[in-house]
Amino acid sequence: MVSDAADGPDGRPDPNDEADTHAASADATGPAVVDRWTALDRGWQALALGLGIVAAHLVGQAL
């Protein structure tokens, strides 16, 4: 992973960095969602994806 000057010690963006805060608030729907998703641990990503698949399956069965 390429390190960025704004990254904190764990590789995630520094929440105290004003440039990241203003950039995220400018477009709340696009890249911010992607940034939040990629900031999640892989286990949480897998859990969220699995729950989404189960929910879609249940909706499909209900219809």
PDB file of N, CA and C in Angstrom:
ATOM      1  N   MET A   1       0.853  -1.183   0.000  1.00  0.00           N
ATOM      2  CA  MET A   1       0.000   0.000   0.000  1.00  0.00           C
ATOM      3  C   MET A   1       0.887   1.229   0.000  1.00  0.00           C
ATOM      4  N   VAL A   2       0.533   2.187  -0.808  1.00  0.00           N
ATOM      5  CA  VAL A   2       1.293   3.414  -0.890  1.00  0.00           C
ATOM      6  C   VAL A   2       0.881   4.320   0.250  1.00  0.00           C
ATOM      7  N   SER A   3       1.860   4.812   0.972  1.00  0.00           N
ATOM      8  CA  SER A   3       1.575   5.680   2.107  1.00  0.00           C
ATOM      9  C   SER A   3       1.340   7.104   1.625  1.00  0.00           C
ATOM     10  N   ASP A   4       0.447   7.781   2.286  1.00  0.00           N
ATOM     11  CA  ASP A   4       0.132   9.163   1.966  1.00  0.00           C
ATOM     12  C   ASP A   4       0.535  10.015   3.154  1.00  0.00           C
ATOM     13  N   ALA A   5       0.903  11.249   2.910  1.00  0.00           N
ATOM     14  CA  ALA A   5       1.328  12.120   4.004  1.00  0.00           C
ATOM     15  C   ALA A   5       0.205  12.352   5.001  1.00  0.00           C
ATOM     16  N   ALA A   6      -1.049  12.255   4.544  1.00  0.00           N
ATOM     17  CA  ALA A   6      -2.187  12.504   5.432  1.00  0.00           C
ATOM     18  C   ALA A   6      -2.592  11.265   6.218  1.00  0.00           C
ATOM     19  N   ASP A   7      -1.980  10.112   5.902  1.00  0.00           N
ATOM     20  CA  ASP A   7      -2.345   8.889   6.597  1.00  0.00           C
ATOM     21  C   ASP A   7      -1.816   8.897   8.023  1.00  0.00           C
ATOM     22  N   GLY A   8      -2.591   8.267   8.891  1.00  0.00           N
ATOM     23  CA  GLY A   8      -2.165   8.107  10.274  1.00  0.00           C
ATOM     24  C   GLY A   8      -1.215   6.934  10.383  1.00  0.00           C
ATOM     25  N   PRO A   9      -0.826   6.564  11.598  1.00  0.00           N
ATOM     26  CA  PRO A   9       0.132   5.481  11.793  1.00  0.00           C
ATOM     27  C   PRO A   9      -0.389   4.123  11.341  1.00  0.00           C
ATOM     28  N   ASP A  10      -1.700   3.932  11.297  1.00  0.00           N
ATOM     29  CA  ASP A  10      -2.250   2.636  10.894  1.00  0.00           C
ATOM     30  C   ASP A  10      -2.584   2.592   9.407  1.00  0.00           C
ATOM     31  N   GLY A  11      -2.252   3.634   8.647  1.00  0.00           N
ATOM     32  CA  GLY A  11      -2.500   3.642   7.213  1.00  0.00           C
ATOM     33  C   GLY A  11      -3.827   4.246   6.823  1.00  0.00           C
ATOM     34  N   ARG A  12      -4.672   4.527   7.785  1.00  0.00           N
ATOM     35  CA  ARG A  12      -5.965   5.149   7.489  1.00  0.00           C
ATOM     36  C   ARG A  12      -5.806   6.659   7.480  1.00  0.00           C
ATOM     37  N   PRO A  13      -6.678   7.358   6.758  1.00  0.00           N
ATOM     38  CA  PRO A  13      -6.589   8.818   6.737  1.00  0.00           C
ATOM     39  C   PRO A  13      -6.733   9.403   8.134  1.00  0.00           C
ATOM     40  N   ASP A  14      -5.967  10.448   8.387  1.00  0.00           N
ATOM     41  CA  ASP A  14      -5.997  11.116   9.683  1.00  0.00           C
ATOM     42  C   ASP A  14      -7.302  11.883   9.828  1.00  0.00           C
ATOM     43  N   PRO A  15      -8.152  11.572  10.847  1.00  0.00           N
ATOM     44  CA  PRO A  15      -9.434  12.271  10.994  1.00  0.00           C
ATOM     45  C   PRO A  15      -9.273  13.738  11.369  1.00  0.00           C
ATOM     46  N   ASN A  16      -8.088  14.122  11.826  1.00  0.00           N
ATOM     47  CA  ASN A  16      -7.852  15.517  12.203  1.00  0.00           C
ATOM     48  C   ASN A  16      -7.352  16.361  11.047  1.00  0.00           C
ATOM     49  N   ASP A  17      -7.133  15.742   9.886  1.00  0.00           N
ATOM     50  CA  ASP A  17      -6.663  16.469   8.726  1.00  0.00           C
ATOM     51  C   ASP A  17      -7.815  17.266   8.123  1.00  0.00           C
ATOM     52  N   GLU A  18      -7.671  18.581   8.056  1.00  0.00           N
ATOM     53  CA  GLU A  18      -8.764  19.436   7.584  1.00  0.00           C
ATOM     54  C   GLU A  18      -9.051  19.235   6.102  1.00  0.00           C
ATOM     55  N   ALA A  19      -8.055  18.947   5.289  1.00  0.00           N
ATOM     56  CA  ALA A  19      -8.275  18.767   3.853  1.00  0.00           C
ATOM     57  C   ALA A  19      -9.182  17.568   3.599  1.00  0.00           C
ATOM     58  N   ASP A  20      -8.954  16.459   4.324  1.00  0.00           N
ATOM     59  CA  ASP A  20      -9.804  15.289   4.154  1.00  0.00           C
ATOM     60  C   ASP A  20     -11.225  15.567   4.633  1.00  0.00           C
ATOM     61  N   THR A  21     -11.377  16.295   5.714  1.00  0.00           N
ATOM     62  CA  THR A  21     -12.692  16.608   6.263  1.00  0.00           C
ATOM     63  C   THR A  21     -13.496  17.449   5.285  1.00  0.00           C
ATOM     64  N   HIS A  22     -12.876  18.458   4.720  1.00  0.00           N
ATOM     65  CA  HIS A  22     -13.597  19.331   3.788  1.00  0.00           C
ATOM     66  C   HIS A  22     -13.901  18.608   2.484  1.00  0.00           C
ATOM     67  N   ALA A  23     -13.000  17.775   2.031  1.00  0.00           N
ATOM     68  CA  ALA A  23     -13.232  17.050   0.781  1.00  0.00           C
ATOM     69  C   ALA A  23     -14.375  16.061   0.945  1.00  0.00           C
ATOM     70  N   ALA A  24     -14.452  15.406   2.097  1.00  0.00           N
ATOM     71  CA  ALA A  24     -15.509  14.422   2.330  1.00  0.00           C
ATOM     72  C   ALA A  24     -16.862  15.107   2.470  1.00  0.00           C
ATOM     73  N   SER A  25     -16.894  16.296   3.051  1.00  0.00           N
ATOM     74  CA  SER A  25     -18.174  16.968   3.240  1.00  0.00           C
ATOM     75  C   SER A  25     -18.676  17.592   1.941  1.00  0.00           C
ATOM     76  N   ALA A  26     -17.796  17.807   0.962  1.00  0.00           N
ATOM     77  CA  ALA A  26     -18.213  18.416  -0.286  1.00  0.00           C
ATOM     78  C   ALA A  26     -19.059  17.459  -1.123  1.00  0.00           C
ATOM     79  N   ASP A  27     -18.718  16.175  -1.115  1.00  0.00           N
ATOM     80  CA  ASP A  27     -19.462  15.190  -1.894  1.00  0.00           C
ATOM     81  C   ASP A  27     -19.746  13.996  -0.999  1.00  0.00           C
ATOM     82  N   ALA A  28     -20.881  14.020  -0.322  1.00  0.00           N
ATOM     83  CA  ALA A  28     -21.176  13.031   0.710  1.00  0.00           C
ATOM     84  C   ALA A  28     -21.637  11.694   0.146  1.00  0.00           C
ATOM     85  N   THR A  29     -21.955  11.619  -1.138  1.00  0.00           N
ATOM     86  CA  THR A  29     -22.510  10.369  -1.655  1.00  0.00           C
ATOM     87  C   THR A  29     -21.493   9.518  -2.401  1.00  0.00           C
ATOM     88  N   GLY A  30     -20.544  10.092  -3.076  1.00  0.00           N
ATOM     89  CA  GLY A  30     -19.644   9.330  -3.931  1.00  0.00           C
ATOM     90  C   GLY A  30     -18.448   8.738  -3.219  1.00  0.00           C
ATOM     91  N   PRO A  31     -17.316   9.402  -3.299  1.00  0.00           N
ATOM     92  CA  PRO A  31     -16.079   8.855  -2.751  1.00  0.00           C
ATOM     93  C   PRO A  31     -16.113   8.624  -1.241  1.00  0.00           C
ATOM     94  N   ALA A  32     -16.934   9.360  -0.507  1.00  0.00           N
ATOM     95  CA  ALA A  32     -16.997   9.175   0.940  1.00  0.00           C
ATOM     96  C   ALA A  32     -17.502   7.784   1.294  1.00  0.00           C
ATOM     97  N   VAL A  33     -18.466   7.283   0.536  1.00  0.00           N
ATOM     98  CA  VAL A  33     -18.994   5.940   0.775  1.00  0.00           C
ATOM     99  C   VAL A  33     -17.914   4.905   0.487  1.00  0.00           C
ATOM    100  N   VAL A  34     -17.179   5.115  -0.592  1.00  0.00           N
ATOM    101  CA  VAL A  34     -16.104   4.197  -0.947  1.00  0.00           C
ATOM    102  C   VAL A  34     -15.009   4.231   0.111  1.00  0.00           C
ATOM    103  N   ASP A  35     -14.672   5.428   0.590  1.00  0.00           N
ATOM    104  CA  ASP A  35     -13.650   5.553   1.629  1.00  0.00           C
ATOM    105  C   ASP A  35     -14.072   4.850   2.909  1.00  0.00           C
ATOM    106  N   ARG A  36     -15.334   4.998   3.274  1.00  0.00           N
ATOM    107  CA  ARG A  36     -15.819   4.320   4.483  1.00  0.00           C
ATOM    108  C   ARG A  36     -15.782   2.809   4.313  1.00  0.00           C
ATOM    109  N   TRP A  37     -16.168   2.339   3.106  1.00  0.00           N
ATOM    110  CA  TRP A  37     -16.185   0.896   2.859  1.00  0.00           C
ATOM    111  C   TRP A  37     -14.769   0.330   2.920  1.00  0.00           C
ATOM    112  N   THR A  38     -13.814   1.008   2.283  1.00  0.00           N
ATOM    113  CA  THR A  38     -12.449   0.501   2.272  1.00  0.00           C
ATOM    114  C   THR A  38     -11.770   0.658   3.620  1.00  0.00           C
ATOM    115  N   ALA A  39     -12.260   1.543   4.465  1.00  0.00           N
ATOM    116  CA  ALA A  39     -11.686   1.702   5.799  1.00  0.00           C
ATOM    117  C   ALA A  39     -12.104   0.569   6.733  1.00  0.00           C
ATOM    118  N   LEU A  40     -13.167  -0.146   6.368  1.00  0.00           N
ATOM    119  CA  LEU A  40     -13.617  -1.262   7.195  1.00  0.00           C
ATOM    120  C   LEU A  40     -12.647  -2.423   7.105  1.00  0.00           C
ATOM    121  N   ASP A  41     -12.546  -3.170   8.171  1.00  0.00           N
ATOM    122  CA  ASP A  41     -11.767  -4.393   8.193  1.00  0.00           C
ATOM    123  C   ASP A  41     -12.440  -5.405   7.260  1.00  0.00           C
ATOM    124  N   ARG A  42     -11.687  -6.337   6.703  1.00  0.00           N
ATOM    125  CA  ARG A  42     -12.261  -7.302   5.758  1.00  0.00           C
ATOM    126  C   ARG A  42     -13.347  -8.152   6.402  1.00  0.00           C
ATOM    127  N   GLY A  43     -13.222  -8.425   7.676  1.00  0.00           N
ATOM    128  CA  GLY A  43     -14.257  -9.203   8.365  1.00  0.00           C
ATOM    129  C   GLY A  43     -15.581  -8.464   8.399  1.00  0.00           C
ATOM    130  N   TRP A  44     -15.531  -7.180   8.670  1.00  0.00           N
ATOM    131  CA  TRP A  44     -16.765  -6.371   8.684  1.00  0.00           C
ATOM    132  C   TRP A  44     -17.333  -6.240   7.285  1.00  0.00           C
ATOM    133  N   GLN A  45     -16.458  -6.123   6.272  1.00  0.00           N
ATOM    134  CA  GLN A  45     -16.931  -6.070   4.890  1.00  0.00           C
ATOM    135  C   GLN A  45     -17.654  -7.360   4.525  1.00  0.00           C
ATOM    136  N   ALA A  46     -17.074  -8.488   4.918  1.00  0.00           N
ATOM    137  CA  ALA A  46     -17.691  -9.775   4.620  1.00  0.00           C
ATOM    138  C   ALA A  46     -19.034  -9.918   5.329  1.00  0.00           C
ATOM    139  N   LEU A  47     -19.100  -9.474   6.567  1.00  0.00           N
ATOM    140  CA  LEU A  47     -20.356  -9.543   7.316  1.00  0.00           C
ATOM    141  C   LEU A  47     -21.428  -8.675   6.653  1.00  0.00           C
ATOM    142  N   ALA A  48     -21.078  -7.440   6.298  1.00  0.00           N
ATOM    143  CA  ALA A  48     -22.045  -6.540   5.665  1.00  0.00           C
ATOM    144  C   ALA A  48     -22.507  -7.095   4.322  1.00  0.00           C
ATOM    145  N   LEU A  49     -21.582  -7.631   3.535  1.00  0.00           N
ATOM    146  CA  LEU A  49     -21.948  -8.191   2.246  1.00  0.00           C
ATOM    147  C   LEU A  49     -22.844  -9.414   2.428  1.00  0.00           C
ATOM    148  N   GLY A  50     -22.520 -10.264   3.378  1.00  0.00           N
ATOM    149  CA  GLY A  50     -23.341 -11.446   3.640  1.00  0.00           C
ATOM    150  C   GLY A  50     -24.739 -11.085   4.090  1.00  0.00           C
ATOM    151  N   LEU A  51     -24.845 -10.110   4.974  1.00  0.00           N
ATOM    152  CA  LEU A  51     -26.168  -9.672   5.427  1.00  0.00           C
ATOM    153  C   LEU A  51     -26.974  -9.060   4.287  1.00  0.00           C
ATOM    154  N   GLY A  52     -26.299  -8.341   3.396  1.00  0.00           N
ATOM    155  CA  GLY A  52     -26.980  -7.774   2.236  1.00  0.00           C
ATOM    156  C   GLY A  52     -27.504  -8.852   1.313  1.00  0.00           C
ATOM    157  N   ILE A  53     -26.730  -9.912   1.116  1.00  0.00           N
ATOM    158  CA  ILE A  53     -27.163 -11.021   0.264  1.00  0.00           C
ATOM    159  C   ILE A  53     -28.344 -11.746   0.889  1.00  0.00           C
ATOM    160  N   VAL A  54     -28.279 -11.971   2.202  1.00  0.00           N
ATOM    161  CA  VAL A  54     -29.397 -12.630   2.896  1.00  0.00           C
ATOM    162  C   VAL A  54     -30.652 -11.771   2.805  1.00  0.00           C
ATOM    163  N   ALA A  55     -30.508 -10.459   2.992  1.00  0.00           N
ATOM    164  CA  ALA A  55     -31.669  -9.568   2.901  1.00  0.00           C
ATOM    165  C   ALA A  55     -32.271  -9.590   1.495  1.00  0.00           C
ATOM    166  N   ALA A  56     -31.403  -9.564   0.468  1.00  0.00           N
ATOM    167  CA  ALA A  56     -31.909  -9.609  -0.902  1.00  0.00           C
ATOM    168  C   ALA A  56     -32.617 -10.926  -1.171  1.00  0.00           C
ATOM    169  N   HIS A  57     -32.101 -12.017  -0.641  1.00  0.00           N
ATOM    170  CA  HIS A  57     -32.726 -13.316  -0.817  1.00  0.00           C
ATOM    171  C   HIS A  57     -34.098 -13.339  -0.146  1.00  0.00           C
ATOM    172  N   LEU A  58     -34.187 -12.799   1.061  1.00  0.00           N
ATOM    173  CA  LEU A  58     -35.462 -12.771   1.776  1.00  0.00           C
ATOM    174  C   LEU A  58     -36.503 -11.920   1.047  1.00  0.00           C
ATOM    175  N   VAL A  59     -36.071 -10.800   0.493  1.00  0.00           N
ATOM    176  CA  VAL A  59     -36.978  -9.941  -0.277  1.00  0.00           C
ATOM    177  C   VAL A  59     -37.451 -10.695  -1.519  1.00  0.00           C
ATOM    178  N   GLY A  60     -36.533 -11.389  -2.172  1.00  0.00           N
ATOM    179  CA  GLY A  60     -36.903 -12.161  -3.349  1.00  0.00           C
ATOM    180  C   GLY A  60     -37.884 -13.276  -3.018  1.00  0.00           C
ATOM    181  N   GLN A  61     -37.710 -13.911  -1.886  1.00  0.00           N
ATOM    182  CA  GLN A  61     -38.640 -14.965  -1.463  1.00  0.00           C
ATOM    183  C   GLN A  61     -40.004 -14.404  -1.103  1.00  0.00           C
ATOM    184  N   ALA A  62     -40.024 -13.199  -0.532  1.00  0.00           N
ATOM    185  CA  ALA A  62     -41.292 -12.587  -0.130  1.00  0.00           C
ATOM    186  C   ALA A  62     -42.129 -12.167  -1.353  1.00  0.00           C
ATOM    187  N   LEU A  63     -41.431 -11.845  -2.434  1.00  0.00           N
ATOM    188  CA  LEU A  63     -42.164 -11.436  -3.646  1.00  0.00           C
ATOM    189  C   LEU A  63     -42.647 -12.655  -4.362  1.00  0.00           C
TER     190      LEU A  63
END
